[in-house]
C-alpha atoms as a PDB file:
ATOM      1  CA  MET A   1      -5.840  11.726  23.031  1.00  0.00           C
ATOM      2  CA  HIS A   2      -8.440  10.545  20.624  1.00  0.00           C
ATOM      3  CA  ALA A   3      -8.442   7.373  18.542  1.00  0.00           C
ATOM      4  CA  ILE A   4     -10.822   5.573  16.484  1.00  0.00           C
ATOM      5  CA  THR A   5     -11.924   2.202  18.371  1.00  0.00           C
ATOM      6  CA  ILE A   6     -14.331  -0.638  16.965  1.00  0.00           C
ATOM      7  CA  PRO A   7     -16.171  -1.449  20.296  1.00  0.00           C
ATOM      8  CA  GLU A   8     -17.796  -4.261  18.452  1.00  0.00           C
ATOM      9  CA  PRO A   9     -16.762  -5.383  14.155  1.00  0.00           C
ATOM     10  CA  GLY A  10     -19.046  -4.478  11.682  1.00  0.00           C
ATOM     11  CA  GLY A  11     -19.839  -2.172   9.311  1.00  0.00           C
ATOM     12  CA  PRO A  12     -18.693   1.148   8.855  1.00  0.00           C
ATOM     13  CA  GLU A  13     -20.926   2.705  11.714  1.00  0.00           C
ATOM     14  CA  ALA A  14     -18.420   0.633  14.079  1.00  0.00           C
ATOM     15  CA  LEU A  15     -15.791   3.119  13.906  1.00  0.00           C
ATOM     16  CA  VAL A  16     -16.028   4.584  16.961  1.00  0.00           C
ATOM     17  CA  TRP A  17     -13.979   7.943  17.940  1.00  0.00           C
ATOM     18  CA  ALA A  18     -13.403   7.860  21.333  1.00  0.00           C
ATOM     19  CA  GLU A  19     -10.897   9.326  24.087  1.00  0.00           C
ATOM     20  CA  VAL A  20      -8.414   6.817  25.206  1.00  0.00           C
ATOM     21  CA  PRO A  21      -5.172   6.525  26.981  1.00  0.00           C
ATOM     22  CA  ASP A  22      -2.062   8.320  25.240  1.00  0.00           C
ATOM     23  CA  PRO A  23       0.344   5.251  23.969  1.00  0.00           C
ATOM     24  CA  VAL A  24       4.151   6.023  25.509  1.00  0.00           C
ATOM     25  CA  PRO A  25       6.618   4.724  23.194  1.00  0.00           C
ATOM     26  CA  GLY A  26       9.083   1.943  24.673  1.00  0.00           C
ATOM     27  CA  GLU A  27      12.788   1.403  24.341  1.00  0.00           C
ATOM     28  CA  GLY A  28      13.356   2.040  20.513  1.00  0.00           C
ATOM     29  CA  GLU A  29      10.082   4.004  19.460  1.00  0.00           C
ATOM     30  CA  VAL A  30       9.071   6.988  19.045  1.00  0.00           C
ATOM     31  CA  LEU A  31       5.865   9.218  19.738  1.00  0.00           C
ATOM     32  CA  VAL A  32       4.315  10.545  16.619  1.00  0.00           C
ATOM     33  CA  GLU A  33       1.787  13.358  16.920  1.00  0.00           C
ATOM     34  CA  VAL A  34      -0.502  12.383  13.761  1.00  0.00           C
ATOM     35  CA  VAL A  35      -1.287  15.023  11.518  1.00  0.00           C
ATOM     36  CA  ALA A  36      -2.736  12.131   9.093  1.00  0.00           C
ATOM     37  CA  SER A  37      -3.606   8.374   8.458  1.00  0.00           C
ATOM     38  CA  ALA A  38      -5.119   6.914   5.823  1.00  0.00           C
ATOM     39  CA  VAL A  39      -7.585   3.758   4.839  1.00  0.00           C
ATOM     40  CA  ASN A  40      -6.217   0.581   3.454  1.00  0.00           C
ATOM     41  CA  ARG A  41      -7.870  -2.245   2.765  1.00  0.00           C
ATOM     42  CA  ALA A  42      -6.868  -4.543   5.860  1.00  0.00           C
ATOM     43  CA  ASP A  43      -8.345  -1.473   8.130  1.00  0.00           C
ATOM     44  CA  ILE A  44     -11.665  -2.246   6.874  1.00  0.00           C
ATOM     45  CA  LEU A  45     -10.765  -6.072   7.572  1.00  0.00           C
ATOM     46  CA  GLN A  46     -10.042  -5.553  10.835  1.00  0.00           C
ATOM     47  CA  ARG A  47     -13.181  -3.432  11.251  1.00  0.00           C
ATOM     48  CA  GLN A  48     -15.454  -6.482   9.739  1.00  0.00           C
ATOM     49  CA  GLY A  49     -13.595  -8.575  12.337  1.00  0.00           C
ATOM     50  CA  PHE A  50     -11.500 -10.868   9.987  1.00  0.00           C
ATOM     51  CA  TYR A  51      -7.799  -9.252  10.396  1.00  0.00           C
ATOM     52  CA  ASP A  52      -6.459  -8.999  14.039  1.00  0.00           C
ATOM     53  CA  PRO A  53      -3.519  -6.866  14.644  1.00  0.00           C
ATOM     54  CA  PRO A  54      -0.208  -8.958  15.425  1.00  0.00           C
ATOM     55  CA  PRO A  55       0.838  -9.162  18.666  1.00  0.00           C
ATOM     56  CA  GLY A  56       2.112  -6.632  20.840  1.00  0.00           C
ATOM     57  CA  ALA A  57       1.071  -3.844  18.141  1.00  0.00           C
ATOM     58  CA  SER A  58      -2.036  -1.289  18.762  1.00  0.00           C
ATOM     59  CA  ARG A  59      -5.513  -2.445  18.417  1.00  0.00           C
ATOM     60  CA  TYR A  60      -6.640   0.458  16.434  1.00  0.00           C
ATOM     61  CA  PRO A  61      -6.788   0.373  12.970  1.00  0.00           C
ATOM     62  CA  GLY A  62      -4.287   2.418  10.573  1.00  0.00           C
ATOM     63  CA  LEU A  63      -0.778   1.388   9.130  1.00  0.00           C
ATOM     64  CA  GLU A  64       0.380   4.416   8.211  1.00  0.00           C
ATOM     65  CA  CYS A  65       0.725   8.217   9.613  1.00  0.00           C
ATOM     66  CA  ALA A  66       2.095  11.517   8.848  1.00  0.00           C
ATOM     67  CA  GLY A  67       3.209  13.637  11.704  1.00  0.00           C
ATOM     68  CA  ARG A  68       5.654  15.407  14.041  1.00  0.00           C
ATOM     69  CA  VAL A  69       8.067  13.441  16.586  1.00  0.00           C
ATOM     70  CA  ALA A  70       6.624  14.076  20.078  1.00  0.00           C
ATOM     71  CA  ALA A  71       9.094  11.985  21.732  1.00  0.00           C
ATOM     72  CA  LEU A  72      11.961   9.274  21.679  1.00  0.00           C
ATOM     73  CA  GLY A  73      11.998   6.141  23.586  1.00  0.00           C
ATOM     74  CA  SER A  74      15.153   4.988  25.144  1.00  0.00           C
ATOM     75  CA  GLY A  75      17.720   3.985  22.744  1.00  0.00           C
ATOM     76  CA  VAL A  76      16.669   6.106  19.799  1.00  0.00           C
ATOM     77  CA  SER A  77      19.192   8.030  17.751  1.00  0.00           C
ATOM     78  CA  GLY A  78      18.514   9.872  14.127  1.00  0.00           C
ATOM     79  CA  TRP A  79      15.489  11.599  15.066  1.00  0.00           C
ATOM     80  CA  SER A  80      14.396  14.599  17.147  1.00  0.00           C
ATOM     81  CA  VAL A  81      11.591  16.205  18.458  1.00  0.00           C
ATOM     82  CA  GLY A  82       9.602  18.572  15.981  1.00  0.00           C
ATOM     83  CA  ASP A  83      10.841  15.905  12.858  1.00  0.00           C
ATOM     84  CA  GLU A  84       8.190  15.525  10.402  1.00  0.00           C
ATOM     85  CA  VAL A  85       8.246  12.382   9.651  1.00  0.00           C
ATOM     86  CA  CYS A  86       5.819   9.504   8.269  1.00  0.00           C
ATOM     87  CA  ALA A  87       5.473   5.913   9.346  1.00  0.00           C
ATOM     88  CA  LEU A  88       4.982   2.136   8.576  1.00  0.00           C
ATOM     89  CA  LEU A  89       2.601   1.207  10.924  1.00  0.00           C
ATOM     90  CA  ALA A  90       1.058  -2.481  12.688  1.00  0.00           C
ATOM     91  CA  GLY A  91      -1.617  -0.548  13.686  1.00  0.00           C
ATOM     92  CA  GLY A  92      -2.870   2.552  15.575  1.00  0.00           C
ATOM     93  CA  GLY A  93      -2.746   5.059  12.403  1.00  0.00           C
ATOM     94  CA  TYR A  94      -6.372   6.351  13.096  1.00  0.00           C
ATOM     95  CA  ALA A  95      -5.257   8.096  16.322  1.00  0.00           C
ATOM     96  CA  GLU A  96      -3.902  11.609  17.058  1.00  0.00           C
ATOM     97  CA  LYS A  97      -0.791   9.821  18.870  1.00  0.00           C
ATOM     98  CA  VAL A  98       1.033   6.868  17.764  1.00  0.00           C
ATOM     99  CA  ALA A  99       4.019   4.615  19.551  1.00  0.00           C
ATOM    100  CA  VAL A 100       6.300   3.423  16.140  1.00  0.00           C
ATOM    101  CA  PRO A 101       9.275   1.680  16.188  1.00  0.00           C
ATOM    102  CA  ALA A 102      12.379   3.912  14.854  1.00  0.00           C
ATOM    103  CA  GLY A 103      13.689   1.641  12.111  1.00  0.00           C
ATOM    104  CA  GLN A 104       9.800   2.231  10.467  1.00  0.00           C
ATOM    105  CA  LEU A 105      10.448   5.956  10.700  1.00  0.00           C
ATOM    106  CA  LEU A 106      10.831   7.977   7.596  1.00  0.00           C
ATOM    107  CA  PRO A 107      11.792  11.891   6.731  1.00  0.00           C
ATOM    108  CA  VAL A 108       9.101  13.543   4.947  1.00  0.00           C
ATOM    109  CA  PRO A 109       9.888  13.947   1.136  1.00  0.00           C
ATOM    110  CA  LYS A 110      10.772  17.232  -0.190  1.00  0.00           C
ATOM    111  CA  GLY A 111       8.641  18.953  -1.920  1.00  0.00           C
ATOM    112  CA  VAL A 112       5.686  16.840   0.049  1.00  0.00           C
ATOM    113  CA  ASP A 113       2.972  18.476   2.207  1.00  0.00           C
ATOM    114  CA  LEU A 114       2.850  16.547   5.871  1.00  0.00           C
ATOM    115  CA  THR A 115      -0.775  15.262   5.162  1.00  0.00           C
ATOM    116  CA  ARG A 116      -0.116  14.030   2.120  1.00  0.00           C
ATOM    117  CA  ALA A 117       2.826  11.950   3.074  1.00  0.00           C
ATOM    118  CA  ALA A 118       0.496  10.131   5.161  1.00  0.00           C
ATOM    119  CA  ALA A 119      -0.037   8.172   1.547  1.00  0.00           C
ATOM    120  CA  LEU A 120       3.199   7.156   1.338  1.00  0.00           C
ATOM    121  CA  PRO A 121       4.371   4.330   2.940  1.00  0.00           C
ATOM    122  CA  GLU A 122       2.278   1.421   3.553  1.00  0.00           C
ATOM    123  CA  VAL A 123       2.262   1.606  -0.224  1.00  0.00           C
ATOM    124  CA  VAL A 124       5.367   2.671  -1.234  1.00  0.00           C
ATOM    125  CA  CYS A 125       7.030  -0.215   0.992  1.00  0.00           C
ATOM    126  CA  THR A 126       4.298  -2.701  -0.241  1.00  0.00           C
ATOM    127  CA  VAL A 127       4.977  -2.023  -3.812  1.00  0.00           C
ATOM    128  CA  TRP A 128       8.837  -1.787  -3.528  1.00  0.00           C
ATOM    129  CA  SER A 129       9.020  -5.291  -1.408  1.00  0.00           C
ATOM    130  CA  ASN A 130       7.006  -7.251  -3.895  1.00  0.00           C
ATOM    131  CA  VAL A 131       7.995  -5.650  -7.067  1.00  0.00           C
ATOM    132  CA  PHE A 132      11.403  -4.712  -6.443  1.00  0.00           C
ATOM    133  CA  MET A 133      12.683  -6.972  -3.766  1.00  0.00           C
ATOM    134  CA  VAL A 134      10.830 -10.125  -4.519  1.00  0.00           C
ATOM    135  CA  ALA A 135       9.577  -9.924  -8.091  1.00  0.00           C
ATOM    136  CA  HIS A 136      12.981  -7.722  -9.820  1.00  0.00           C
ATOM    137  CA  LEU A 137      11.308  -5.980 -11.894  1.00  0.00           C
ATOM    138  CA  ARG A 138      13.737  -4.790 -14.587  1.00  0.00           C
ATOM    139  CA  PRO A 139      14.021  -2.006 -17.350  1.00  0.00           C
ATOM    140  CA  ALA A 140      11.770  -2.807 -20.192  1.00  0.00           C
ATOM    141  CA  GLU A 141      10.316  -5.068 -18.748  1.00  0.00           C
ATOM    142  CA  THR A 142       6.498  -5.312 -18.064  1.00  0.00           C
ATOM    143  CA  LEU A 143       4.479  -5.311 -15.169  1.00  0.00           C
ATOM    144  CA  LEU A 144       0.831  -5.909 -14.896  1.00  0.00           C
ATOM    145  CA  VAL A 145      -0.505  -4.268 -12.023  1.00  0.00           C
ATOM    146  CA  HIS A 146      -4.153  -5.574 -10.823  1.00  0.00           C
ATOM    147  CA  GLY A 147      -6.318  -2.693  -9.808  1.00  0.00           C
ATOM    148  CA  GLY A 148      -4.594   0.263 -11.418  1.00  0.00           C
ATOM    149  CA  SER A 149      -6.444   3.083  -9.650  1.00  0.00           C
ATOM    150  CA  SER A 150      -5.843   1.978  -6.787  1.00  0.00           C
ATOM    151  CA  GLY A 151      -3.077   3.102  -3.584  1.00  0.00           C
ATOM    152  CA  ILE A 152      -1.436   0.494  -4.543  1.00  0.00           C
ATOM    153  CA  GLY A 153      -1.721   0.662  -8.544  1.00  0.00           C
ATOM    154  CA  THR A 154      -1.057   4.468  -8.426  1.00  0.00           C
ATOM    155  CA  MET A 155       2.613   4.225  -7.082  1.00  0.00           C
ATOM    156  CA  ALA A 156       3.273   0.749  -8.916  1.00  0.00           C
ATOM    157  CA  ILE A 157       2.689   2.740 -12.353  1.00  0.00           C
ATOM    158  CA  GLN A 158       5.082   5.312 -10.849  1.00  0.00           C
ATOM    159  CA  LEU A 159       7.843   3.522  -9.762  1.00  0.00           C
ATOM    160  CA  ALA A 160       8.032   0.903 -12.184  1.00  0.00           C
ATOM    161  CA  LYS A 161       7.990   4.089 -15.122  1.00  0.00           C
ATOM    162  CA  ALA A 162      10.329   5.666 -13.086  1.00  0.00           C
ATOM    163  CA  VAL A 163      13.002   1.966 -13.526  1.00  0.00           C
ATOM    164  CA  GLY A 164      12.247   2.208 -17.128  1.00  0.00           C
ATOM    165  CA  ALA A 165       9.572  -0.812 -17.594  1.00  0.00           C
ATOM    166  CA  ARG A 166       6.428  -0.897 -19.373  1.00  0.00           C
ATOM    167  CA  VAL A 167       3.140  -1.202 -17.244  1.00  0.00           C
ATOM    168  CA  ALA A 168       0.189  -2.446 -18.085  1.00  0.00           C
ATOM    169  CA  VAL A 169      -2.859  -2.139 -15.565  1.00  0.00           C
ATOM    170  CA  THR A 170      -6.763  -3.382 -14.999  1.00  0.00           C
ATOM    171  CA  ALA A 171      -9.606  -0.790 -13.906  1.00  0.00           C
ATOM    172  CA  GLY A 172     -13.433  -1.101 -13.856  1.00  0.00           C
ATOM    173  CA  THR A 173     -14.179   2.531 -15.402  1.00  0.00           C
ATOM    174  CA  ARG A 174     -12.677   4.228 -18.520  1.00  0.00           C
ATOM    175  CA  ALA A 175     -12.072   7.566 -15.838  1.00  0.00           C
ATOM    176  CA  LYS A 176     -10.032   5.108 -13.970  1.00  0.00           C
ATOM    177  CA  LEU A 177      -7.972   4.268 -16.966  1.00  0.00           C
ATOM    178  CA  GLU A 178      -6.904   7.739 -17.825  1.00  0.00           C
ATOM    179  CA  ARG A 179      -5.996   8.316 -14.414  1.00  0.00           C
ATOM    180  CA  CYS A 180      -3.758   5.682 -14.851  1.00  0.00           C
ATOM    181  CA  ALA A 181      -2.173   6.651 -18.168  1.00  0.00           C
ATOM    182  CA  GLU A 182      -1.630  10.149 -16.708  1.00  0.00           C
ATOM    183  CA  LEU A 183       0.271   8.263 -14.520  1.00  0.00           C
ATOM    184  CA  GLY A 184       2.414   6.808 -17.328  1.00  0.00           C
ATOM    185  CA  ALA A 185       0.536   3.462 -17.807  1.00  0.00           C
ATOM    186  CA  ASP A 186       1.147   2.424 -21.043  1.00  0.00           C
ATOM    187  CA  ILE A 187      -1.680  -0.781 -22.214  1.00  0.00           C
ATOM    188  CA  LEU A 188      -5.092  -0.256 -19.811  1.00  0.00           C
ATOM    189  CA  ILE A 189      -7.561  -2.619 -19.997  1.00  0.00           C
ATOM    190  CA  ASN A 190     -10.907  -2.441 -18.594  1.00  0.00           C
ATOM    191  CA  TYR A 191     -11.663  -5.638 -16.388  1.00  0.00           C
ATOM    192  CA  ARG A 192     -15.703  -5.474 -17.120  1.00  0.00           C
ATOM    193  CA  GLU A 193     -14.927  -5.489 -20.615  1.00  0.00           C
ATOM    194  CA  GLN A 194     -11.462  -6.709 -22.017  1.00  0.00           C
ATOM    195  CA  ASP A 195      -9.808 -10.070 -20.530  1.00  0.00           C
ATOM    196  CA  PHE A 196      -6.658  -9.190 -19.393  1.00  0.00           C
ATOM    197  CA  VAL A 197      -4.665 -12.279 -20.519  1.00  0.00           C
ATOM    198  CA  GLU A 198      -5.613 -11.759 -23.870  1.00  0.00           C
ATOM    199  CA  GLU A 199      -5.066  -7.987 -24.183  1.00  0.00           C
ATOM    200  CA  VAL A 200      -1.100  -8.605 -22.666  1.00  0.00           C
ATOM    201  CA  LYS A 201      -0.455 -10.715 -24.961  1.00  0.00           C
ATOM    202  CA  LYS A 202      -1.835  -8.786 -27.764  1.00  0.00           C
ATOM    203  CA  ALA A 203       0.129  -5.882 -26.340  1.00  0.00           C
ATOM    204  CA  THR A 204       3.667  -8.263 -25.801  1.00  0.00           C
ATOM    205  CA  ASP A 205       3.266  -9.360 -29.296  1.00  0.00           C
ATOM    206  CA  GLY A 206       2.281 -13.334 -27.510  1.00  0.00           C
ATOM    207  CA  ALA A 207       5.159 -12.858 -24.727  1.00  0.00           C
ATOM    208  CA  GLY A 208       2.815 -12.303 -21.716  1.00  0.00           C
ATOM    209  CA  ALA A 209       3.973 -10.005 -18.588  1.00  0.00           C
ATOM    210  CA  ASP A 210       7.281  -9.973 -16.997  1.00  0.00           C
ATOM    211  CA  VAL A 211       5.972  -9.565 -13.295  1.00  0.00           C
ATOM    212  CA  ILE A 212       2.106  -9.304 -12.362  1.00  0.00           C
ATOM    213  CA  LEU A 213       1.532  -7.608  -9.020  1.00  0.00           C
ATOM    214  CA  ASP A 214      -1.970  -8.888  -7.742  1.00  0.00           C
ATOM    215  CA  ASN A 215      -4.393  -8.114  -4.950  1.00  0.00           C
ATOM    216  CA  MET A 216      -7.562 -10.726  -5.964  1.00  0.00           C
ATOM    217  CA  GLY A 217      -5.821 -14.296  -5.239  1.00  0.00           C
ATOM    218  CA  ALA A 218      -8.259 -17.003  -6.239  1.00  0.00           C
ATOM    219  CA  LYS A 219      -9.893 -15.470  -8.382  1.00  0.00           C
ATOM    220  CA  TYR A 220      -7.320 -14.365 -10.842  1.00  0.00           C
ATOM    221  CA  LEU A 221      -4.571 -17.541  -9.893  1.00  0.00           C
ATOM    222  CA  ASP A 222      -5.165 -19.197 -13.374  1.00  0.00           C
ATOM    223  CA  ARG A 223      -5.749 -16.640 -15.262  1.00  0.00           C
ATOM    224  CA  ASN A 224      -2.527 -14.441 -14.145  1.00  0.00           C
ATOM    225  CA  VAL A 225      -0.252 -17.976 -14.780  1.00  0.00           C
ATOM    226  CA  GLN A 226      -1.022 -16.999 -18.018  1.00  0.00           C
ATOM    227  CA  ALA A 227      -1.092 -13.813 -18.385  1.00  0.00           C
ATOM    228  CA  LEU A 228       2.711 -14.938 -17.614  1.00  0.00           C
ATOM    229  CA  ALA A 229       5.809 -15.040 -19.726  1.00  0.00           C
ATOM    230  CA  VAL A 230       8.463 -17.064 -19.695  1.00  0.00           C
ATOM    231  CA  ASN A 231      10.678 -16.754 -16.461  1.00  0.00           C
ATOM    232  CA  GLY A 232       7.717 -14.128 -15.376  1.00  0.00           C
ATOM    233  CA  ARG A 233       7.191 -13.732 -11.446  1.00  0.00           C
ATOM    234  CA  LEU A 234       3.299 -13.421  -9.697  1.00  0.00           C
ATOM    235  CA  ALA A 235       3.529 -11.431  -6.392  1.00  0.00           C
ATOM    236  CA  ILE A 236       0.034 -11.825  -5.038  1.00  0.00           C
ATOM    237  CA  ILE A 237      -0.775  -9.415  -1.599  1.00  0.00           C
ATOM    238  CA  GLY A 238      -4.007  -9.215  -1.557  1.00  0.00           C
ATOM    239  CA  MET A 239      -7.434 -12.246  -1.727  1.00  0.00           C
ATOM    240  CA  GLN A 240      -9.874  -9.816  -2.536  1.00  0.00           C
ATOM    241  CA  GLY A 241     -11.260 -12.461  -4.941  1.00  0.00           C
ATOM    242  CA  GLY A 242     -11.570 -15.175  -2.579  1.00  0.00           C
ATOM    243  CA  ALA A 243      -8.555 -17.132  -0.247  1.00  0.00           C
ATOM    244  CA  LYS A 244      -8.352 -20.826  -2.349  1.00  0.00           C
ATOM    245  CA  GLY A 245      -7.653 -21.225  -5.748  1.00  0.00           C
ATOM    246  CA  GLU A 246      -6.279 -24.060  -8.337  1.00  0.00           C
ATOM    247  CA  LEU A 247      -2.008 -24.216  -9.235  1.00  0.00           C
ATOM    248  CA  ASN A 248      -1.762 -25.176 -12.243  1.00  0.00           C
ATOM    249  CA  ILE A 249       1.698 -26.166 -11.860  1.00  0.00           C
ATOM    250  CA  GLY A 250       2.455 -27.567 -15.054  1.00  0.00           C
ATOM    251  CA  ALA A 251       1.680 -24.643 -16.756  1.00  0.00           C
ATOM    252  CA  LEU A 252       4.146 -22.816 -14.072  1.00  0.00           C
ATOM    253  CA  LEU A 253       6.582 -25.168 -14.748  1.00  0.00           C
ATOM    254  CA  ALA A 254       6.530 -24.912 -18.506  1.00  0.00           C
ATOM    255  CA  LYS A 255       6.858 -21.371 -17.788  1.00  0.00           C
ATOM    256  CA  ARG A 256       9.879 -21.560 -15.408  1.00  0.00           C
ATOM    257  CA  ALA A 257       8.113 -19.376 -13.241  1.00  0.00           C
ATOM    258  CA  ALA A 258       7.384 -18.074  -9.696  1.00  0.00           C
ATOM    259  CA  VAL A 259       4.471 -17.358  -7.508  1.00  0.00           C
ATOM    260  CA  SER A 260       4.936 -15.408  -4.328  1.00  0.00           C
ATOM    261  CA  ALA A 261       2.686 -14.401  -1.281  1.00  0.00           C
ATOM    262  CA  THR A 262       3.605 -11.733   1.238  1.00  0.00           C
ATOM    263  CA  SER A 263       1.872  -9.602   3.908  1.00  0.00           C
ATOM    264  CA  LEU A 264       3.830  -6.283   5.065  1.00  0.00           C
ATOM    265  CA  ARG A 265       1.859  -5.860   8.561  1.00  0.00           C
ATOM    266  CA  ALA A 266       3.136  -9.384  10.334  1.00  0.00           C
ATOM    267  CA  ARG A 267       6.264  -9.143   9.450  1.00  0.00           C
ATOM    268  CA  PRO A 268       9.365  -8.676  11.760  1.00  0.00           C
ATOM    269  CA  LEU A 269      10.563  -5.413  12.760  1.00  0.00           C
ATOM    270  CA  GLU A 270      13.672  -6.402  11.573  1.00  0.00           C
ATOM    271  CA  GLU A 271      12.509  -7.404   8.247  1.00  0.00           C
ATOM    272  CA  LYS A 272       9.917  -4.014   8.283  1.00  0.00           C
ATOM    273  CA  ALA A 273      13.223  -1.837   9.136  1.00  0.00           C
ATOM    274  CA  THR A 274      15.170  -3.354   6.362  1.00  0.00           C
ATOM    275  CA  ILE A 275      11.993  -2.496   3.734  1.00  0.00           C
ATOM    276  CA  VAL A 276      11.859   1.159   4.818  1.00  0.00           C
ATOM    277  CA  ALA A 277      16.221   1.415   4.780  1.00  0.00           C
ATOM    278  CA  ALA A 278      15.860   0.021   0.777  1.00  0.00           C
ATOM    279  CA  VAL A 279      12.749   2.703   0.558  1.00  0.00           C
ATOM    280  CA  ARG A 280      14.429   5.308   1.933  1.00  0.00           C
ATOM    281  CA  GLU A 281      17.952   4.498  -0.121  1.00  0.00           C
ATOM    282  CA  HIS A 282      15.870   4.045  -3.463  1.00  0.00           C
ATOM    283  CA  VAL A 283      12.093   5.618  -3.539  1.00  0.00           C
ATOM    284  CA  TRP A 284      12.770   9.118  -1.612  1.00  0.00           C
ATOM    285  CA  PRO A 285      15.271  10.220  -4.334  1.00  0.00           C
ATOM    286  CA  LEU A 286      12.325   9.388  -6.715  1.00  0.00           C
ATOM    287  CA  VAL A 287       9.612  11.613  -4.588  1.00  0.00           C
ATOM    288  CA  ASP A 288      12.363  14.308  -3.772  1.00  0.00           C
ATOM    289  CA  GLY A 289      12.818  14.757  -7.486  1.00  0.00           C
ATOM    290  CA  GLY A 290       9.041  14.649  -8.347  1.00  0.00           C
ATOM    291  CA  HIS A 291      10.082  11.469 -10.092  1.00  0.00           C
ATOM    292  CA  VAL A 292       7.252   9.748  -8.115  1.00  0.00           C
ATOM    293  CA  ARG A 293       4.430  11.541  -5.522  1.00  0.00           C
ATOM    294  CA  PRO A 294       1.560  10.739  -3.730  1.00  0.00           C
ATOM    295  CA  VAL A 295      -1.867  10.134  -5.232  1.00  0.00           C
ATOM    296  CA  VAL A 296      -4.932  11.707  -3.022  1.00  0.00           C
ATOM    297  CA  ASP A 297      -8.660  11.070  -3.944  1.00  0.00           C
ATOM    298  CA  ARG A 298      -9.809  13.277  -0.950  1.00  0.00           C
ATOM    299  CA  GLU A 299      -9.184  14.326   2.841  1.00  0.00           C
ATOM    300  CA  VAL A 300     -11.704  13.278   5.369  1.00  0.00           C
ATOM    301  CA  PRO A 301     -11.372  14.091   9.555  1.00  0.00           C
ATOM    302  CA  MET A 302     -10.557  11.283  11.388  1.00  0.00           C
ATOM    303  CA  ARG A 303     -13.119  11.695  13.437  1.00  0.00           C
ATOM    304  CA  ASP A 304     -15.241  10.565  10.499  1.00  0.00           C
ATOM    305  CA  ALA A 305     -13.418   7.855   9.191  1.00  0.00           C
ATOM    306  CA  SER A 306     -16.621   5.818   9.177  1.00  0.00           C
ATOM    307  CA  GLU A 307     -17.137   8.173   5.923  1.00  0.00           C
ATOM    308  CA  ALA A 308     -14.024   7.184   4.561  1.00  0.00           C
ATOM    309  CA  HIS A 309     -13.989   3.778   4.702  1.00  0.00           C
ATOM    310  CA  ARG A 310     -17.611   3.877   2.892  1.00  0.00           C
ATOM    311  CA  THR A 311     -15.782   5.817   0.058  1.00  0.00           C
ATOM    312  CA  VAL A 312     -13.234   3.168  -0.401  1.00  0.00           C
ATOM    313  CA  GLU A 313     -15.563  -0.075  -0.281  1.00  0.00           C
ATOM    314  CA  GLU A 314     -17.777   1.639  -2.717  1.00  0.00           C
ATOM    315  CA  SER A 315     -13.851   1.399  -4.998  1.00  0.00           C
ATOM    316  CA  GLY A 316     -15.002   5.039  -6.453  1.00  0.00           C
ATOM    317  CA  HIS A 317     -11.532   6.765  -5.822  1.00  0.00           C
ATOM    318  CA  VAL A 318      -8.604   6.918  -7.175  1.00  0.00           C
ATOM    319  CA  GLY A 319      -5.434   6.953  -5.330  1.00  0.00           C
ATOM    320  CA  LYS A 320      -5.738   7.497  -1.592  1.00  0.00           C
ATOM    321  CA  VAL A 321      -8.201   8.072   1.371  1.00  0.00           C
ATOM    322  CA  LEU A 322      -6.291  10.578   3.782  1.00  0.00           C
ATOM    323  CA  LEU A 323      -7.846  10.894   7.236  1.00  0.00           C
ATOM    324  CA  VAL A 324      -6.857  14.347   8.868  1.00  0.00           C
ATOM    325  CA  THR A 325      -6.248  15.190  12.373  1.00  0.00           C
ATOM    326  CA  SER A 326      -5.514  18.541  12.203  1.00  0.00           C
ATOM    327  CA  PRO A 327      -4.180  20.967   9.680  1.00  0.00           C
ATOM    328  CA  ALA A 328      -0.590  20.603   8.772  1.00  0.00           C
END
């Protein structure tokens, strides 16, 4: 098969489409013939040499895919050759085939074509596990999403609205904020021109956000705590703004607030399977019913993954950038 390899870390040009050995599904795994994958920030970090795959994972980038079941490893039940699926991966999505633990497979939802289904697994599992399983967002609460026009952001808006929450978002342009509004965002904040702490407080009569989903890390840590409501929950899922910050414990105590920080890629298989099962139970009916949908900015041939990486690094996109191996 062919896959995107990284002979040496570097810029987008470091991604090389090359012929490599076919993967073989092990016990409890399913071999998927990949139709599409999607670009995530973690893939960029891996390309740059900053984010190695966990032990035992494919060395090729790609944290999600969609395709068709090509073979079953021993001990697998509930899936058949030819099934159309999408999958959460620890790596290997930028390839024509990938071996996937069966617990990380999902059926393609109704009304979503096979290619666009590749935009779902990583963002849905990230949002559901952090905003709902950890931070327990409830109806009528306010969720603040940083990077509202990103793949994570566009999914967080939709899921929060689907459960009856109010959504505030930050983004850097009016056009991106307008796209967030189309998805249901209630409070639109241009982080280049406005202070998100002030805007969230203003929109909530001084109360603040009940849950904040943050991809920035250190840069926003203190201001996120300021923006939290009493009993608020801050869920950190990225470090685009740095890895080390100072946490005001006094402010956190005064608000009886909580800070959590999670990653998805390196979790044990059992934890990933639990998240995927929760997504299938709670989110897939929303997708089947048309209440939640994948937001795709563009599709790029997988062999041109370097072009897709440049697009994501320039941050001009809204939603996901897909890598397509062949027509669905």
